[in-house]
C-alpha cells in the first residue's frame, strides 16, 4: 500500500494511536470475515432444526450481522464484528424447542419479550 493510502487510513482510524498497523488490521479483517462466514452458514442450519425456514433465517442472520457491524464500525468506531450468538441459538433449538417441546413461534416470542 502506498504512503498516501497509509496516511488516509492513519487519519481515519488513528492506527498508530491504537498501536496497530495496516497489515495487522487486514489480517484481523480476514479472520473476522471467515468467522462471520461460518456463522452465516451454521446459524441457519441450527435454527432450521426447529422448523424455521432456512432461507428466512439465513437472511435474518445476514441482515442482523450487517446492521450490528455497521453500527459498531461507523458510530462507535470500534473494529468489533457482531453476529447472532451461536450458543444461545443452540440452546434455543436443542433445549427449548426440541428438548422442552415448546413451539418455535412461542419460544421466539419469549426471546423477544
PDB file of N, CA and C in Angstrom:
ATOM      1  N   UNK A   1       0.854  -1.165   0.000  1.00  0.00           N
ATOM      2  CA  UNK A   1       0.000   0.000   0.000  1.00  0.00           C
ATOM      3  C   UNK A   1       0.905   1.235   0.000  1.00  0.00           C
ATOM      4  N   UNK A   2       0.571   2.241  -0.817  1.00  0.00           N
ATOM      5  CA  UNK A   2       1.459   3.395  -0.892  1.00  0.00           C
ATOM      6  C   UNK A   2       1.243   4.323   0.302  1.00  0.00           C
ATOM      7  N   UNK A   3       2.136   5.296   0.449  1.00  0.00           N
ATOM      8  CA  UNK A   3       2.128   6.152   1.638  1.00  0.00           C
ATOM      9  C   UNK A   3       0.920   7.073   1.698  1.00  0.00           C
ATOM     10  N   UNK A   4       0.382   7.495   0.555  1.00  0.00           N
ATOM     11  CA  UNK A   4      -0.805   8.360   0.604  1.00  0.00           C
ATOM     12  C   UNK A   4      -2.008   7.584   1.137  1.00  0.00           C
ATOM     13  N   UNK A   5      -2.114   6.286   0.787  1.00  0.00           N
ATOM     14  CA  UNK A   5      -3.198   5.468   1.331  1.00  0.00           C
ATOM     15  C   UNK A   5      -2.978   5.212   2.811  1.00  0.00           C
ATOM     16  N   UNK A   6      -1.723   4.973   3.213  1.00  0.00           N
ATOM     17  CA  UNK A   6      -1.420   4.787   4.634  1.00  0.00           C
ATOM     18  C   UNK A   6      -1.774   6.042   5.421  1.00  0.00           C
ATOM     19  N   UNK A   7      -1.481   7.214   4.854  1.00  0.00           N
ATOM     20  CA  UNK A   7      -1.799   8.475   5.523  1.00  0.00           C
ATOM     21  C   UNK A   7      -3.293   8.649   5.696  1.00  0.00           C
ATOM     22  N   UNK A   8      -4.062   8.286   4.682  1.00  0.00           N
ATOM     23  CA  UNK A   8      -5.516   8.381   4.767  1.00  0.00           C
ATOM     24  C   UNK A   8      -6.052   7.435   5.836  1.00  0.00           C
ATOM     25  N   UNK A   9      -5.571   6.198   5.818  1.00  0.00           N
ATOM     26  CA  UNK A   9      -6.008   5.230   6.818  1.00  0.00           C
ATOM     27  C   UNK A   9      -5.603   5.671   8.222  1.00  0.00           C
ATOM     28  N   UNK A  10      -4.417   6.244   8.341  1.00  0.00           N
ATOM     29  CA  UNK A  10      -3.947   6.739   9.644  1.00  0.00           C
ATOM     30  C   UNK A  10      -4.853   7.854  10.155  1.00  0.00           C
ATOM     31  N   UNK A  11      -5.203   8.783   9.268  1.00  0.00           N
ATOM     32  CA  UNK A  11      -6.084   9.891   9.685  1.00  0.00           C
ATOM     33  C   UNK A  11      -7.477   9.391  10.054  1.00  0.00           C
ATOM     34  N   UNK A  12      -8.003   8.475   9.271  1.00  0.00           N
ATOM     35  CA  UNK A  12      -9.355   7.975   9.525  1.00  0.00           C
ATOM     36  C   UNK A  12      -9.447   7.131  10.797  1.00  0.00           C
ATOM     37  N   UNK A  13      -8.501   6.215  10.961  1.00  0.00           N
ATOM     38  CA  UNK A  13      -8.615   5.220  12.022  1.00  0.00           C
ATOM     39  C   UNK A  13      -7.597   5.370  13.151  1.00  0.00           C
ATOM     40  N   UNK A  14      -6.670   6.340  13.028  1.00  0.00           N
ATOM     41  CA  UNK A  14      -5.662   6.584  14.079  1.00  0.00           C
ATOM     42  C   UNK A  14      -4.951   5.284  14.465  1.00  0.00           C
ATOM     43  N   UNK A  15      -4.390   4.613  13.448  1.00  0.00           N
ATOM     44  CA  UNK A  15      -3.781   3.305  13.647  1.00  0.00           C
ATOM     45  C   UNK A  15      -2.614   3.335  14.639  1.00  0.00           C
ATOM     46  N   UNK A  16      -1.701   4.270  14.480  1.00  0.00           N
ATOM     47  CA  UNK A  16      -0.544   4.305  15.390  1.00  0.00           C
ATOM     48  C   UNK A  16      -0.971   4.639  16.811  1.00  0.00           C
ATOM     49  N   UNK A  17      -1.990   5.457  16.952  1.00  0.00           N
ATOM     50  CA  UNK A  17      -2.509   5.790  18.280  1.00  0.00           C
ATOM     51  C   UNK A  17      -3.065   4.546  18.982  1.00  0.00           C
ATOM     52  N   UNK A  18      -3.603   3.630  18.183  1.00  0.00           N
ATOM     53  CA  UNK A  18      -4.151   2.398  18.734  1.00  0.00           C
ATOM     54  C   UNK A  18      -3.141   1.252  18.746  1.00  0.00           C
ATOM     55  N   UNK A  19      -1.908   1.535  18.358  1.00  0.00           N
ATOM     56  CA  UNK A  19      -0.842   0.538  18.413  1.00  0.00           C
ATOM     57  C   UNK A  19      -1.001  -0.595  17.411  1.00  0.00           C
ATOM     58  N   UNK A  20      -1.416  -0.267  16.185  1.00  0.00           N
ATOM     59  CA  UNK A  20      -1.615  -1.299  15.171  1.00  0.00           C
ATOM     60  C   UNK A  20      -1.068  -0.830  13.835  1.00  0.00           C
ATOM     61  N   UNK A  21      -1.080  -1.713  12.861  1.00  0.00           N
ATOM     62  CA  UNK A  21      -0.600  -1.396  11.513  1.00  0.00           C
ATOM     63  C   UNK A  21      -1.662  -1.807  10.500  1.00  0.00           C
ATOM     64  N   UNK A  22      -1.482  -1.375   9.258  1.00  0.00           N
ATOM     65  CA  UNK A  22      -2.399  -1.749   8.192  1.00  0.00           C
ATOM     66  C   UNK A  22      -2.370  -3.265   8.001  1.00  0.00           C
ATOM     67  N   UNK A  23      -1.193  -3.869   8.030  1.00  0.00           N
ATOM     68  CA  UNK A  23      -1.074  -5.325   7.861  1.00  0.00           C
ATOM     69  C   UNK A  23      -1.837  -6.066   8.952  1.00  0.00           C
ATOM     70  N   UNK A  24      -1.672  -5.653  10.199  1.00  0.00           N
ATOM     71  CA  UNK A  24      -2.371  -6.293  11.307  1.00  0.00           C
ATOM     72  C   UNK A  24      -3.881  -6.179  11.134  1.00  0.00           C
ATOM     73  N   UNK A  25      -4.342  -5.011  10.734  1.00  0.00           N
ATOM     74  CA  UNK A  25      -5.776  -4.797  10.554  1.00  0.00           C
ATOM     75  C   UNK A  25      -6.334  -5.615   9.393  1.00  0.00           C
ATOM     76  N   UNK A  26      -5.559  -5.762   8.321  1.00  0.00           N
ATOM     77  CA  UNK A  26      -6.008  -6.589   7.197  1.00  0.00           C
ATOM     78  C   UNK A  26      -6.115  -8.053   7.596  1.00  0.00           C
ATOM     79  N   UNK A  27      -5.147  -8.543   8.361  1.00  0.00           N
ATOM     80  CA  UNK A  27      -5.177  -9.920   8.841  1.00  0.00           C
ATOM     81  C   UNK A  27      -6.358 -10.133   9.792  1.00  0.00           C
ATOM     82  N   UNK A  28      -6.581  -9.185  10.672  1.00  0.00           N
ATOM     83  CA  UNK A  28      -7.723  -9.266  11.594  1.00  0.00           C
ATOM     84  C   UNK A  28      -9.044  -9.223  10.824  1.00  0.00           C
ATOM     85  N   UNK A  29      -9.098  -8.406   9.790  1.00  0.00           N
ATOM     86  CA  UNK A  29     -10.304  -8.328   8.966  1.00  0.00           C
ATOM     87  C   UNK A  29     -10.589  -9.633   8.257  1.00  0.00           C
ATOM     88  N   UNK A  30      -9.559 -10.278   7.730  1.00  0.00           N
ATOM     89  CA  UNK A  30      -9.726 -11.564   7.060  1.00  0.00           C
ATOM     90  C   UNK A  30     -10.210 -12.626   8.045  1.00  0.00           C
ATOM     91  N   UNK A  31      -9.610 -12.658   9.221  1.00  0.00           N
ATOM     92  CA  UNK A  31     -10.009 -13.615  10.253  1.00  0.00           C
ATOM     93  C   UNK A  31     -11.470 -13.416  10.646  1.00  0.00           C
ATOM     94  N   UNK A  32     -11.847 -12.159  10.841  1.00  0.00           N
ATOM     95  CA  UNK A  32     -13.228 -11.844  11.210  1.00  0.00           C
ATOM     96  C   UNK A  32     -14.185 -12.227  10.092  1.00  0.00           C
ATOM     97  N   UNK A  33     -13.806 -11.956   8.854  1.00  0.00           N
ATOM     98  CA  UNK A  33     -14.640 -12.311   7.710  1.00  0.00           C
ATOM     99  C   UNK A  33     -14.903 -13.814   7.668  1.00  0.00           C
ATOM    100  N   UNK A  34     -13.858 -14.619   7.884  1.00  0.00           N
ATOM    101  CA  UNK A  34     -14.019 -16.072   7.853  1.00  0.00           C
ATOM    102  C   UNK A  34     -14.911 -16.549   9.001  1.00  0.00           C
ATOM    103  N   UNK A  35     -14.775 -15.935  10.171  1.00  0.00           N
ATOM    104  CA  UNK A  35     -15.644 -16.296  11.299  1.00  0.00           C
ATOM    105  C   UNK A  35     -17.097 -15.951  10.996  1.00  0.00           C
ATOM    106  N   UNK A  36     -17.330 -14.801  10.369  1.00  0.00           N
ATOM    107  CA  UNK A  36     -18.689 -14.399  10.029  1.00  0.00           C
ATOM    108  C   UNK A  36     -19.274 -15.322   8.961  1.00  0.00           C
ATOM    109  N   UNK A  37     -18.455 -15.775   8.016  1.00  0.00           N
ATOM    110  CA  UNK A  37     -18.931 -16.735   7.003  1.00  0.00           C
ATOM    111  C   UNK A  37     -19.406 -18.018   7.678  1.00  0.00           C
ATOM    112  N   UNK A  38     -18.658 -18.467   8.667  1.00  0.00           N
ATOM    113  CA  UNK A  38     -19.028 -19.669   9.418  1.00  0.00           C
ATOM    114  C   UNK A  38     -20.380 -19.466  10.107  1.00  0.00           C
ATOM    115  N   UNK A  39     -20.558 -18.332  10.760  1.00  0.00           N
ATOM    116  CA  UNK A  39     -21.798 -18.061  11.475  1.00  0.00           C
ATOM    117  C   UNK A  39     -22.980 -17.994  10.514  1.00  0.00           C
ATOM    118  N   UNK A  40     -22.794 -17.345   9.376  1.00  0.00           N
ATOM    119  CA  UNK A  40     -23.877 -17.190   8.402  1.00  0.00           C
ATOM    120  C   UNK A  40     -24.310 -18.540   7.837  1.00  0.00           C
ATOM    121  N   UNK A  41     -23.423 -19.513   7.811  1.00  0.00           N
ATOM    122  CA  UNK A  41     -23.770 -20.849   7.322  1.00  0.00           C
ATOM    123  C   UNK A  41     -24.355 -21.725   8.434  1.00  0.00           C
ATOM    124  N   UNK A  42     -23.708 -21.746   9.589  1.00  0.00           N
ATOM    125  CA  UNK A  42     -24.094 -22.673  10.655  1.00  0.00           C
ATOM    126  C   UNK A  42     -25.357 -22.219  11.387  1.00  0.00           C
ATOM    127  N   UNK A  43     -25.542 -20.928  11.614  1.00  0.00           N
ATOM    128  CA  UNK A  43     -26.710 -20.443  12.344  1.00  0.00           C
ATOM    129  C   UNK A  43     -28.024 -20.888  11.691  1.00  0.00           C
ATOM    130  N   UNK A  44     -28.208 -20.714  10.380  1.00  0.00           N
ATOM    131  CA  UNK A  44     -29.445 -21.203   9.765  1.00  0.00           C
ATOM    132  C   UNK A  44     -29.597 -22.731   9.848  1.00  0.00           C
ATOM    133  N   UNK A  45     -28.479 -23.451   9.778  1.00  0.00           N
ATOM    134  CA  UNK A  45     -28.556 -24.912   9.909  1.00  0.00           C
ATOM    135  C   UNK A  45     -29.091 -25.311  11.283  1.00  0.00           C
ATOM    136  N   UNK A  46     -28.614 -24.645  12.324  1.00  0.00           N
ATOM    137  CA  UNK A  46     -29.076 -24.951  13.682  1.00  0.00           C
ATOM    138  C   UNK A  46     -30.544 -24.578  13.841  1.00  0.00           C
ATOM    139  N   UNK A  47     -30.902 -23.356  13.473  1.00  0.00           N
ATOM    140  CA  UNK A  47     -32.273 -22.895  13.694  1.00  0.00           C
ATOM    141  C   UNK A  47     -33.287 -23.581  12.789  1.00  0.00           C
ATOM    142  N   UNK A  48     -32.863 -24.094  11.643  1.00  0.00           N
ATOM    143  CA  UNK A  48     -33.801 -24.807  10.776  1.00  0.00           C
ATOM    144  C   UNK A  48     -34.250 -26.126  11.404  1.00  0.00           C
ATOM    145  N   UNK A  49     -33.493 -26.621  12.373  1.00  0.00           N
ATOM    146  CA  UNK A  49     -33.884 -27.830  13.109  1.00  0.00           C
ATOM    147  C   UNK A  49     -35.188 -27.621  13.879  1.00  0.00           C
ATOM    148  N   UNK A  50     -35.552 -26.375  14.159  1.00  0.00           N
ATOM    149  CA  UNK A  50     -36.779 -26.079  14.898  1.00  0.00           C
ATOM    150  C   UNK A  50     -38.004 -26.101  13.991  1.00  0.00           C
ATOM    151  N   UNK A  51     -37.786 -26.040  12.684  1.00  0.00           N
ATOM    152  CA  UNK A  51     -38.881 -25.936  11.734  1.00  0.00           C
ATOM    153  C   UNK A  51     -38.929 -24.569  11.068  1.00  0.00           C
ATOM    154  N   UNK A  52     -38.045 -23.676  11.479  1.00  0.00           N
ATOM    155  CA  UNK A  52     -37.979 -22.358  10.843  1.00  0.00           C
ATOM    156  C   UNK A  52     -37.490 -22.512   9.408  1.00  0.00           C
ATOM    157  N   UNK A  53     -37.927 -21.618   8.538  1.00  0.00           N
ATOM    158  CA  UNK A  53     -37.493 -21.621   7.149  1.00  0.00           C
ATOM    159  C   UNK A  53     -36.010 -21.254   7.080  1.00  0.00           C
ATOM    160  N   UNK A  54     -35.209 -22.136   6.498  1.00  0.00           N
ATOM    161  CA  UNK A  54     -33.757 -21.932   6.456  1.00  0.00           C
ATOM    162  C   UNK A  54     -33.373 -20.661   5.692  1.00  0.00           C
ATOM    163  N   UNK A  55     -34.051 -20.387   4.586  1.00  0.00           N
ATOM    164  CA  UNK A  55     -33.760 -19.182   3.809  1.00  0.00           C
ATOM    165  C   UNK A  55     -34.049 -17.918   4.591  1.00  0.00           C
ATOM    166  N   UNK A  56     -35.163 -17.910   5.310  1.00  0.00           N
ATOM    167  CA  UNK A  56     -35.521 -16.736   6.110  1.00  0.00           C
ATOM    168  C   UNK A  56     -34.520 -16.519   7.238  1.00  0.00           C
ATOM    169  N   UNK A  57     -34.098 -17.603   7.869  1.00  0.00           N
ATOM    170  CA  UNK A  57     -33.114 -17.492   8.954  1.00  0.00           C
ATOM    171  C   UNK A  57     -31.768 -17.025   8.402  1.00  0.00           C
ATOM    172  N   UNK A  58     -31.408 -17.491   7.217  1.00  0.00           N
ATOM    173  CA  UNK A  58     -30.167 -17.044   6.573  1.00  0.00           C
ATOM    174  C   UNK A  58     -30.199 -15.534   6.337  1.00  0.00           C
ATOM    175  N   UNK A  59     -31.299 -15.056   5.775  1.00  0.00           N
ATOM    176  CA  UNK A  59     -31.427 -13.619   5.500  1.00  0.00           C
ATOM    177  C   UNK A  59     -31.425 -12.820   6.796  1.00  0.00           C
ATOM    178  N   UNK A  60     -32.148 -13.285   7.803  1.00  0.00           N
ATOM    179  CA  UNK A  60     -32.190 -12.586   9.094  1.00  0.00           C
ATOM    180  C   UNK A  60     -30.806 -12.545   9.745  1.00  0.00           C
ATOM    181  N   UNK A  61     -30.062 -13.627   9.637  1.00  0.00           N
ATOM    182  CA  UNK A  61     -28.701 -13.670  10.184  1.00  0.00           C
ATOM    183  C   UNK A  61     -27.812 -12.653   9.479  1.00  0.00           C
ATOM    184  N   UNK A  62     -27.884 -12.616   8.158  1.00  0.00           N
ATOM    185  CA  UNK A  62     -27.070 -11.676   7.380  1.00  0.00           C
ATOM    186  C   UNK A  62     -27.428 -10.222   7.704  1.00  0.00           C
ATOM    187  N   UNK A  63     -28.726  -9.932   7.737  1.00  0.00           N
ATOM    188  CA  UNK A  63     -29.161  -8.551   7.992  1.00  0.00           C
ATOM    189  C   UNK A  63     -28.786  -8.110   9.398  1.00  0.00           C
ATOM    190  N   UNK A  64     -29.032  -8.960  10.396  1.00  0.00           N
ATOM    191  CA  UNK A  64     -28.710  -8.567  11.767  1.00  0.00           C
ATOM    192  C   UNK A  64     -27.203  -8.389  11.964  1.00  0.00           C
ATOM    193  N   UNK A  65     -26.401  -9.249  11.359  1.00  0.00           N
ATOM    194  CA  UNK A  65     -24.949  -9.115  11.460  1.00  0.00           C
ATOM    195  C   UNK A  65     -24.474  -7.843  10.751  1.00  0.00           C
ATOM    196  N   UNK A  66     -25.028  -7.564   9.586  1.00  0.00           N
ATOM    197  CA  UNK A  66     -24.632  -6.364   8.841  1.00  0.00           C
ATOM    198  C   UNK A  66     -24.977  -5.098   9.613  1.00  0.00           C
ATOM    199  N   UNK A  67     -26.175  -5.028  10.158  1.00  0.00           N
ATOM    200  CA  UNK A  67     -26.592  -3.841  10.917  1.00  0.00           C
ATOM    201  C   UNK A  67     -25.713  -3.670  12.157  1.00  0.00           C
ATOM    202  N   UNK A  68     -25.494  -4.769  12.884  1.00  0.00           N
ATOM    203  CA  UNK A  68     -24.654  -4.691  14.080  1.00  0.00           C
ATOM    204  C   UNK A  68     -23.236  -4.245  13.770  1.00  0.00           C
ATOM    205  N   UNK A  69     -22.658  -4.798  12.718  1.00  0.00           N
ATOM    206  CA  UNK A  69     -21.283  -4.436  12.333  1.00  0.00           C
ATOM    207  C   UNK A  69     -21.196  -2.985  11.862  1.00  0.00           C
ATOM    208  N   UNK A  70     -22.179  -2.547  11.084  1.00  0.00           N
ATOM    209  CA  UNK A  70     -22.173  -1.154  10.614  1.00  0.00           C
ATOM    210  C   UNK A  70     -22.293  -0.162  11.766  1.00  0.00           C
ATOM    211  N   UNK A  71     -23.181  -0.438  12.688  1.00  0.00           N
ATOM    212  CA  UNK A  71     -23.336   0.456  13.842  1.00  0.00           C
ATOM    213  C   UNK A  71     -22.052   0.475  14.665  1.00  0.00           C
ATOM    214  N   UNK A  72     -21.487  -0.693  14.916  1.00  0.00           N
ATOM    215  CA  UNK A  72     -20.263  -0.762  15.711  1.00  0.00           C
ATOM    216  C   UNK A  72     -19.110  -0.056  15.009  1.00  0.00           C
ATOM    217  N   UNK A  73     -18.996  -0.215  13.703  1.00  0.00           N
ATOM    218  CA  UNK A  73     -17.886   0.389  12.973  1.00  0.00           C
ATOM    219  C   UNK A  73     -18.058   1.867  12.708  1.00  0.00           C
ATOM    220  N   UNK A  74     -19.247   2.266  12.263  1.00  0.00           N
ATOM    221  CA  UNK A  74     -19.441   3.656  11.846  1.00  0.00           C
ATOM    222  C   UNK A  74     -19.777   4.599  13.000  1.00  0.00           C
ATOM    223  N   UNK A  75     -20.568   4.151  13.937  1.00  0.00           N
ATOM    224  CA  UNK A  75     -20.942   5.032  15.045  1.00  0.00           C
ATOM    225  C   UNK A  75     -19.971   4.947  16.218  1.00  0.00           C
ATOM    226  N   UNK A  76     -19.605   3.734  16.590  1.00  0.00           N
ATOM    227  CA  UNK A  76     -18.722   3.572  17.740  1.00  0.00           C
ATOM    228  C   UNK A  76     -17.246   3.612  17.360  1.00  0.00           C
ATOM    229  N   UNK A  77     -16.939   3.416  16.066  1.00  0.00           N
ATOM    230  CA  UNK A  77     -15.560   3.370  15.562  1.00  0.00           C
ATOM    231  C   UNK A  77     -14.729   2.298  16.266  1.00  0.00           C
ATOM    232  N   UNK A  78     -15.356   1.148  16.525  1.00  0.00           N
ATOM    233  CA  UNK A  78     -14.659   0.003  17.103  1.00  0.00           C
ATOM    234  C   UNK A  78     -14.604  -1.112  16.069  1.00  0.00           C
ATOM    235  N   UNK A  79     -13.462  -1.770  15.926  1.00  0.00           N
ATOM    236  CA  UNK A  79     -13.337  -2.855  14.944  1.00  0.00           C
ATOM    237  C   UNK A  79     -13.829  -4.189  15.505  1.00  0.00           C
ATOM    238  N   UNK A  80     -15.086  -4.219  15.908  1.00  0.00           N
ATOM    239  CA  UNK A  80     -15.658  -5.419  16.509  1.00  0.00           C
ATOM    240  C   UNK A  80     -16.847  -5.855  15.666  1.00  0.00           C
ATOM    241  N   UNK A  81     -16.840  -7.108  15.253  1.00  0.00           N
ATOM    242  CA  UNK A  81     -17.947  -7.653  14.463  1.00  0.00           C
ATOM    243  C   UNK A  81     -19.012  -8.203  15.406  1.00  0.00           C
ATOM    244  N   UNK A  82     -20.259  -8.015  15.045  1.00  0.00           N
ATOM    245  CA  UNK A  82     -21.373  -8.525  15.837  1.00  0.00           C
ATOM    246  C   UNK A  82     -22.211  -9.462  14.982  1.00  0.00           C
ATOM    247  N   UNK A  83     -22.609 -10.579  15.565  1.00  0.00           N
ATOM    248  CA  UNK A  83     -23.444 -11.560  14.869  1.00  0.00           C
ATOM    249  C   UNK A  83     -24.295 -12.284  15.917  1.00  0.00           C
ATOM    250  N   UNK A  84     -25.313 -13.013  15.481  1.00  0.00           N
ATOM    251  CA  UNK A  84     -26.123 -13.776  16.431  1.00  0.00           C
ATOM    252  C   UNK A  84     -25.269 -14.752  17.233  1.00  0.00           C
ATOM    253  N   UNK A  85     -25.607 -14.913  18.502  1.00  0.00           N
ATOM    254  CA  UNK A  85     -24.860 -15.806  19.393  1.00  0.00           C
ATOM    255  C   UNK A  85     -25.155 -17.265  19.094  1.00  0.00           C
ATOM    256  N   UNK A  86     -24.139 -18.004  18.725  1.00  0.00           N
ATOM    257  CA  UNK A  86     -24.314 -19.398  18.334  1.00  0.00           C
ATOM    258  C   UNK A  86     -24.713 -20.279  19.525  1.00  0.00           C
ATOM    259  N   UNK A  87     -24.177 -20.017  20.695  1.00  0.00           N
ATOM    260  CA  UNK A  87     -24.528 -20.816  21.873  1.00  0.00           C
ATOM    261  C   UNK A  87     -25.980 -20.644  22.252  1.00  0.00           C
ATOM    262  N   UNK A  88     -26.460 -19.410  22.197  1.00  0.00           N
ATOM    263  CA  UNK A  88     -27.859 -19.150  22.522  1.00  0.00           C
ATOM    264  C   UNK A  88     -28.792 -19.780  21.496  1.00  0.00           C
ATOM    265  N   UNK A  89     -28.386 -19.771  20.238  1.00  0.00           N
ATOM    266  CA  UNK A  89     -29.210 -20.392  19.201  1.00  0.00           C
ATOM    267  C   UNK A  89     -29.261 -21.906  19.371  1.00  0.00           C
ATOM    268  N   UNK A  90     -28.156 -22.492  19.774  1.00  0.00           N
ATOM    269  CA  UNK A  90     -28.138 -23.931  20.036  1.00  0.00           C
ATOM    270  C   UNK A  90     -29.022 -24.256  21.239  1.00  0.00           C
ATOM    271  N   UNK A  91     -28.953 -23.443  22.276  1.00  0.00           N
ATOM    272  CA  UNK A  91     -29.819 -23.638  23.449  1.00  0.00           C
ATOM    273  C   UNK A  91     -31.287 -23.513  23.049  1.00  0.00           C
ATOM    274  N   UNK A  92     -31.601 -22.464  22.288  1.00  0.00           N
ATOM    275  CA  UNK A  92     -32.961 -22.234  21.803  1.00  0.00           C
ATOM    276  C   UNK A  92     -33.469 -23.455  21.047  1.00  0.00           C
ATOM    277  N   UNK A  93     -32.652 -23.980  20.151  1.00  0.00           N
ATOM    278  CA  UNK A  93     -33.068 -25.103  19.303  1.00  0.00           C
ATOM    279  C   UNK A  93     -33.153 -26.415  20.064  1.00  0.00           C
ATOM    280  N   UNK A  94     -32.049 -26.789  20.716  1.00  0.00           N
ATOM    281  CA  UNK A  94     -31.960 -28.145  21.248  1.00  0.00           C
ATOM    282  C   UNK A  94     -32.513 -28.296  22.661  1.00  0.00           C
ATOM    283  N   UNK A  95     -32.499 -27.257  23.464  1.00  0.00           N
ATOM    284  CA  UNK A  95     -33.044 -27.358  24.824  1.00  0.00           C
ATOM    285  C   UNK A  95     -34.496 -26.913  24.885  1.00  0.00           C
ATOM    286  N   UNK A  96     -34.785 -25.738  24.346  1.00  0.00           N
ATOM    287  CA  UNK A  96     -36.132 -25.187  24.490  1.00  0.00           C
ATOM    288  C   UNK A  96     -37.109 -25.831  23.509  1.00  0.00           C
ATOM    289  N   UNK A  97     -36.808 -25.746  22.206  1.00  0.00           N
ATOM    290  CA  UNK A  97     -37.759 -26.227  21.205  1.00  0.00           C
ATOM    291  C   UNK A  97     -37.795 -27.754  21.155  1.00  0.00           C
ATOM    292  N   UNK A  98     -36.648 -28.379  20.944  1.00  0.00           N
ATOM    293  CA  UNK A  98     -36.638 -29.837  20.815  1.00  0.00           C
ATOM    294  C   UNK A  98     -36.698 -30.541  22.171  1.00  0.00           C
ATOM    295  N   UNK A  99     -36.005 -30.004  23.161  1.00  0.00           N
ATOM    296  CA  UNK A  99     -35.961 -30.660  24.479  1.00  0.00           C
ATOM    297  C   UNK A  99     -37.235 -30.488  25.282  1.00  0.00           C
ATOM    298  N   UNK A 100     -37.760 -29.265  25.344  1.00  0.00           N
ATOM    299  CA  UNK A 100     -38.956 -28.983  26.143  1.00  0.00           C
ATOM    300  C   UNK A 100     -40.244 -29.064  25.327  1.00  0.00           C
ATOM    301  N   UNK A 101     -40.103 -29.133  24.008  1.00  0.00           N
ATOM    302  CA  UNK A 101     -41.276 -29.245  23.154  1.00  0.00           C
ATOM    303  C   UNK A 101     -42.042 -27.951  22.945  1.00  0.00           C
ATOM    304  N   UNK A 102     -41.406 -26.823  23.216  1.00  0.00           N
ATOM    305  CA  UNK A 102     -42.052 -25.522  23.014  1.00  0.00           C
ATOM    306  C   UNK A 102     -42.040 -25.204  21.515  1.00  0.00           C
ATOM    307  N   UNK A 103     -43.184 -24.839  20.932  1.00  0.00           N
ATOM    308  CA  UNK A 103     -43.170 -24.462  19.511  1.00  0.00           C
ATOM    309  C   UNK A 103     -42.220 -23.283  19.269  1.00  0.00           C
ATOM    310  N   UNK A 104     -41.555 -23.292  18.125  1.00  0.00           N
ATOM    311  CA  UNK A 104     -40.548 -22.255  17.882  1.00  0.00           C
ATOM    312  C   UNK A 104     -41.159 -20.866  17.885  1.00  0.00           C
ATOM    313  N   UNK A 105     -42.416 -20.728  17.479  1.00  0.00           N
ATOM    314  CA  UNK A 105     -43.063 -19.421  17.470  1.00  0.00           C
ATOM    315  C   UNK A 105     -43.211 -18.884  18.900  1.00  0.00           C
ATOM    316  N   UNK A 106     -43.599 -19.747  19.823  1.00  0.00           N
ATOM    317  CA  UNK A 106     -43.754 -19.355  21.230  1.00  0.00           C
ATOM    318  C   UNK A 106     -42.381 -19.030  21.831  1.00  0.00           C
ATOM    319  N   UNK A 107     -41.393 -19.879  21.555  1.00  0.00           N
ATOM    320  CA  UNK A 107     -40.048 -19.655  22.083  1.00  0.00           C
ATOM    321  C   UNK A 107     -39.453 -18.351  21.547  1.00  0.00           C
ATOM    322  N   UNK A 108     -39.705 -18.067  20.280  1.00  0.00           N
ATOM    323  CA  UNK A 108     -39.199 -16.818  19.694  1.00  0.00           C
ATOM    324  C   UNK A 108     -39.894 -15.628  20.328  1.00  0.00           C
ATOM    325  N   UNK A 109     -41.171 -15.756  20.627  1.00  0.00           N
ATOM    326  CA  UNK A 109     -41.892 -14.705  21.344  1.00  0.00           C
ATOM    327  C   UNK A 109     -41.295 -14.457  22.724  1.00  0.00           C
ATOM    328  N   UNK A 110     -40.914 -15.518  23.418  1.00  0.00           N
ATOM    329  CA  UNK A 110     -40.279 -15.384  24.735  1.00  0.00           C
ATOM    330  C   UNK A 110     -38.931 -14.679  24.615  1.00  0.00           C
ATOM    331  N   UNK A 111     -38.169 -15.004  23.574  1.00  0.00           N
ATOM    332  CA  UNK A 111     -36.888 -14.326  23.351  1.00  0.00           C
ATOM    333  C   UNK A 111     -37.129 -12.837  23.110  1.00  0.00           C
ATOM    334  N   UNK A 112     -38.144 -12.501  22.333  1.00  0.00           N
ATOM    335  CA  UNK A 112     -38.471 -11.104  22.054  1.00  0.00           C
ATOM    336  C   UNK A 112     -38.837 -10.358  23.335  1.00  0.00           C
ATOM    337  N   UNK A 113     -39.620 -11.014  24.177  1.00  0.00           N
ATOM    338  CA  UNK A 113     -40.040 -10.376  25.423  1.00  0.00           C
ATOM    339  C   UNK A 113     -38.850 -10.198  26.342  1.00  0.00           C
TER     340      UNK A 113
END
